[in-house]
C-alpha atoms as a PDB file:
ATOM      1  CA  MET A   1      10.993  26.303 253.493  1.00  0.00           C
ATOM      2  CA  ASN A   2      12.940  25.523 256.633  1.00  0.00           C
ATOM      3  CA  MET A   3      16.331  26.627 255.347  1.00  0.00           C
ATOM      4  CA  THR A   4      17.162  29.628 253.235  1.00  0.00           C
ATOM      5  CA  MET A   5      18.771  29.147 249.832  1.00  0.00           C
ATOM      6  CA  ASP A   6      22.001  30.844 250.883  1.00  0.00           C
ATOM      7  CA  MET A   7      22.372  28.407 253.805  1.00  0.00           C
ATOM      8  CA  MET A   8      21.775  25.469 251.462  1.00  0.00           C
ATOM      9  CA  LYS A   9      24.186  26.787 248.861  1.00  0.00           C
ATOM     10  CA  GLY A  10      26.806  27.304 251.569  1.00  0.00           C
ATOM     11  CA  ALA A  11      26.423  23.699 252.637  1.00  0.00           C
ATOM     12  CA  MET A  12      27.034  22.453 249.092  1.00  0.00           C
ATOM     13  CA  SER A  13      30.680  21.879 248.322  1.00  0.00           C
ATOM     14  CA  SER A  14      30.716  22.003 244.533  1.00  0.00           C
ATOM     15  CA  SER A  15      32.421  25.101 243.196  1.00  0.00           C
ATOM     16  CA  ASP A  16      31.238  24.423 239.666  1.00  0.00           C
ATOM     17  CA  MET A  17      27.520  24.732 240.355  1.00  0.00           C
ATOM     18  CA  PRO A  18      25.951  26.380 237.306  1.00  0.00           C
ATOM     19  CA  MET A  19      23.840  28.654 239.507  1.00  0.00           C
ATOM     20  CA  LYS A  20      26.575  29.595 241.980  1.00  0.00           C
ATOM     21  CA  ASP A  21      26.491  33.264 240.959  1.00  0.00           C
ATOM     22  CA  MET A  22      22.717  33.601 241.250  1.00  0.00           C
ATOM     23  CA  ASP A  23      21.227  35.716 244.024  1.00  0.00           C
ATOM     24  CA  PRO A  24      20.045  33.209 246.679  1.00  0.00           C
ATOM     25  CA  ALA A  25      17.127  35.442 247.682  1.00  0.00           C
ATOM     26  CA  MET A  26      15.923  35.601 244.069  1.00  0.00           C
ATOM     27  CA  MET A  27      16.208  31.836 243.719  1.00  0.00           C
ATOM     28  CA  GLN A  28      14.303  31.302 246.953  1.00  0.00           C
ATOM     29  CA  GLU A  29      11.618  33.784 245.885  1.00  0.00           C
ATOM     30  CA  CYS A  30      11.208  31.941 242.591  1.00  0.00           C
ATOM     31  CA  ILE A  31      11.080  28.501 244.197  1.00  0.00           C
ATOM     32  CA  GLU A  32       8.521  29.679 246.731  1.00  0.00           C
ATOM     33  CA  ALA A  33       6.337  31.380 244.101  1.00  0.00           C
ATOM     34  CA  VAL A  34       6.343  28.339 241.815  1.00  0.00           C
ATOM     35  CA  SER A  35       5.684  26.017 244.761  1.00  0.00           C
ATOM     36  CA  ALA A  36       2.786  28.205 245.929  1.00  0.00           C
ATOM     37  CA  CYS A  37       1.426  28.134 242.384  1.00  0.00           C
ATOM     38  CA  ALA A  38       1.534  24.338 242.322  1.00  0.00           C
ATOM     39  CA  GLN A  39      -0.373  24.193 245.604  1.00  0.00           C
ATOM     40  CA  ALA A  40      -3.007  26.697 244.449  1.00  0.00           C
ATOM     41  CA  CYS A  41      -3.439  24.788 241.184  1.00  0.00           C
ATOM     42  CA  ILE A  42      -3.951  21.466 242.980  1.00  0.00           C
ATOM     43  CA  MET A  43      -6.619  22.993 245.210  1.00  0.00           C
ATOM     44  CA  CYS A  44      -8.289  24.767 242.297  1.00  0.00           C
ATOM     45  CA  ALA A  45      -8.287  21.619 240.152  1.00  0.00           C
ATOM     46  CA  ASP A  46      -9.976  19.698 242.945  1.00  0.00           C
ATOM     47  CA  ALA A  47     -12.631  22.373 243.439  1.00  0.00           C
ATOM     48  CA  ASP A  48     -13.134  22.740 239.663  1.00  0.00           C
ATOM     49  CA  ALA A  49     -13.708  19.018 239.269  1.00  0.00           C
ATOM     50  CA  GLY A  50     -16.428  19.167 241.919  1.00  0.00           C
ATOM     51  CA  GLU A  51     -18.061  22.090 240.110  1.00  0.00           C
ATOM     52  CA  GLY A  52     -17.995  20.471 236.674  1.00  0.00           C
ATOM     53  CA  MET A  53     -15.357  22.791 235.182  1.00  0.00           C
ATOM     54  CA  GLY A  54     -13.390  20.139 233.333  1.00  0.00           C
ATOM     55  CA  ARG A  55     -11.158  22.361 231.195  1.00  0.00           C
ATOM     56  CA  CYS A  56     -10.156  24.530 234.139  1.00  0.00           C
ATOM     57  CA  ALA A  57      -9.550  21.454 236.307  1.00  0.00           C
ATOM     58  CA  GLY A  58      -7.344  19.897 233.637  1.00  0.00           C
ATOM     59  CA  LEU A  59      -5.277  23.038 233.074  1.00  0.00           C
ATOM     60  CA  CYS A  60      -4.837  23.507 236.819  1.00  0.00           C
ATOM     61  CA  ALA A  61      -3.750  19.880 237.292  1.00  0.00           C
ATOM     62  CA  ASN A  62      -1.268  20.139 234.423  1.00  0.00           C
ATOM     63  CA  CYS A  63       0.057  23.451 235.732  1.00  0.00           C
ATOM     64  CA  ALA A  64       0.549  21.923 239.188  1.00  0.00           C
ATOM     65  CA  ASP A  65       2.555  19.058 237.679  1.00  0.00           C
ATOM     66  CA  VAL A  66       4.749  21.364 235.584  1.00  0.00           C
ATOM     67  CA  CYS A  67       5.355  23.706 238.542  1.00  0.00           C
ATOM     68  CA  ASP A  68       6.223  20.792 240.825  1.00  0.00           C
ATOM     69  CA  THR A  69       8.777  19.548 238.311  1.00  0.00           C
ATOM     70  CA  MET A  70      10.210  23.058 237.919  1.00  0.00           C
ATOM     71  CA  VAL A  71      10.673  23.394 241.684  1.00  0.00           C
ATOM     72  CA  ARG A  72      12.479  20.061 241.884  1.00  0.00           C
ATOM     73  CA  MET A  73      14.765  21.071 239.010  1.00  0.00           C
ATOM     74  CA  MET A  74      15.637  24.382 240.705  1.00  0.00           C
ATOM     75  CA  LEU A  75      16.468  22.564 243.939  1.00  0.00           C
ATOM     76  CA  ARG A  76      19.004  20.321 242.164  1.00  0.00           C
ATOM     77  CA  MET A  77      21.618  23.009 241.665  1.00  0.00           C
ATOM     78  CA  ASN A  78      24.537  20.648 241.074  1.00  0.00           C
ATOM     79  CA  GLY A  79      22.714  18.869 238.262  1.00  0.00           C
ATOM     80  CA  MET A  80      21.437  22.026 236.614  1.00  0.00           C
ATOM     81  CA  ASP A  81      22.028  22.676 232.948  1.00  0.00           C
ATOM     82  CA  MET A  82      21.368  26.350 232.258  1.00  0.00           C
ATOM     83  CA  GLN A  83      19.891  25.825 228.766  1.00  0.00           C
ATOM     84  CA  VAL A  84      17.576  23.030 229.897  1.00  0.00           C
ATOM     85  CA  THR A  85      16.530  24.969 232.985  1.00  0.00           C
ATOM     86  CA  MET A  86      15.808  28.061 230.894  1.00  0.00           C
ATOM     87  CA  SER A  87      13.716  25.978 228.479  1.00  0.00           C
ATOM     88  CA  MET A  88      11.768  24.351 231.322  1.00  0.00           C
ATOM     89  CA  MET A  89      11.226  27.723 232.940  1.00  0.00           C
ATOM     90  CA  GLN A  90       9.838  29.114 229.661  1.00  0.00           C
ATOM     91  CA  THR A  91       7.495  26.124 229.428  1.00  0.00           C
ATOM     92  CA  THR A  92       6.389  26.649 233.023  1.00  0.00           C
ATOM     93  CA  VAL A  93       5.714  30.330 232.309  1.00  0.00           C
ATOM     94  CA  MET A  94       3.555  29.355 229.311  1.00  0.00           C
ATOM     95  CA  MET A  95       1.646  26.794 231.395  1.00  0.00           C
ATOM     96  CA  CYS A  96       1.078  29.295 234.213  1.00  0.00           C
ATOM     97  CA  ARG A  97      -0.178  31.916 231.758  1.00  0.00           C
ATOM     98  CA  ALA A  98      -2.633  29.441 230.207  1.00  0.00           C
ATOM     99  CA  CYS A  99      -3.884  28.362 233.636  1.00  0.00           C
ATOM    100  CA  SER A 100      -4.236  31.962 234.800  1.00  0.00           C
ATOM    101  CA  ALA A 101      -6.185  32.927 231.682  1.00  0.00           C
ATOM    102  CA  GLU A 102      -8.605  30.028 232.144  1.00  0.00           C
ATOM    103  CA  CYS A 103      -9.046  30.696 235.855  1.00  0.00           C
ATOM    104  CA  MET A 104      -9.697  34.391 235.200  1.00  0.00           C
ATOM    105  CA  LYS A 105     -12.742  33.380 233.128  1.00  0.00           C
ATOM    106  CA  HIS A 106     -14.268  32.069 236.365  1.00  0.00           C
ATOM    107  CA  ALA A 107     -12.719  34.515 238.853  1.00  0.00           C
ATOM    108  CA  GLU A 108     -15.847  36.585 239.444  1.00  0.00           C
ATOM    109  CA  MET A 109     -17.893  33.571 240.534  1.00  0.00           C
ATOM    110  CA  SER A 110     -15.103  31.405 241.950  1.00  0.00           C
ATOM    111  CA  GLU A 111     -12.721  32.567 244.668  1.00  0.00           C
ATOM    112  CA  HIS A 112     -10.434  29.545 244.221  1.00  0.00           C
ATOM    113  CA  CYS A 113     -10.024  30.383 240.521  1.00  0.00           C
ATOM    114  CA  ARG A 114      -9.213  34.016 241.359  1.00  0.00           C
ATOM    115  CA  MET A 115      -6.598  32.942 243.896  1.00  0.00           C
ATOM    116  CA  CYS A 116      -5.149  30.359 241.499  1.00  0.00           C
ATOM    117  CA  ALA A 117      -4.829  32.974 238.753  1.00  0.00           C
ATOM    118  CA  MET A 118      -3.033  35.289 241.176  1.00  0.00           C
ATOM    119  CA  ALA A 119      -0.619  32.519 242.211  1.00  0.00           C
ATOM    120  CA  CYS A 120       0.076  31.725 238.552  1.00  0.00           C
ATOM    121  CA  ASP A 121       0.750  35.404 237.804  1.00  0.00           C
ATOM    122  CA  GLN A 122       3.120  35.704 240.766  1.00  0.00           C
ATOM    123  CA  ALA A 123       5.000  32.587 239.635  1.00  0.00           C
ATOM    124  CA  VAL A 124       5.339  34.043 236.136  1.00  0.00           C
ATOM    125  CA  MET A 125       6.778  37.280 237.528  1.00  0.00           C
ATOM    126  CA  ALA A 126       9.283  35.431 239.718  1.00  0.00           C
ATOM    127  CA  MET A 127      10.391  33.149 236.861  1.00  0.00           C
ATOM    128  CA  GLU A 128      10.744  36.049 234.415  1.00  0.00           C
ATOM    129  CA  LYS A 129      12.926  37.852 236.945  1.00  0.00           C
ATOM    130  CA  MET A 130      15.079  34.755 237.417  1.00  0.00           C
ATOM    131  CA  MET A 131      15.318  34.105 233.668  1.00  0.00           C
ATOM    132  CA  GLY A 132      16.574  37.670 233.203  1.00  0.00           C
ATOM    133  CA  ALA A 133      19.308  37.064 235.772  1.00  0.00           C
ATOM    134  CA  MET A 134      20.137  33.707 234.179  1.00  0.00           C
ATOM    135  CA  ARG A 135      20.531  35.317 230.739  1.00  0.00           C
ATOM    136  CA  GLU A 136      22.966  37.825 232.221  1.00  0.00           C
ATOM    137  CA  SER A 137      25.099  35.076 233.753  1.00  0.00           C
ATOM    138  CA  MET A 138      25.158  32.825 230.662  1.00  0.00           C
ATOM    139  CA  PRO A 139      28.344  32.943 228.598  1.00  0.00           C
ATOM    140  CA  THR A 140      27.946  34.446 225.156  1.00  0.00           C
ATOM    141  CA  THR A 141      29.265  32.501 222.206  1.00  0.00           C
END
């Protein structure tokens, strides 16, 4: 990313951003991890398709799509609804776990699957960290 999250947040004028109290470095780390996961999944899906691994290719393609959507949602801070974002993040975590598990079945014979699984696992860790911070900042009812 060309700009850091704290620079972007500083440029935004809305004082009622739902994520205004979030650590910009944590948000940036999460966005970068999920974006890297999407890229790894796209590359893995392409390689899998060429190797006849249909299930792995499909899971990787779906994971890439979900991760891409998650990144775009996180970048729209003014339009963020905490409950919806949390739900989407949980879905993305589930998708990344499924993709990682499938890729790990092929990791010994396929470097792209091993790397994809690692990217998925890193995205899961970053999202779980962010979800923990989000839970702390959500008002209790």
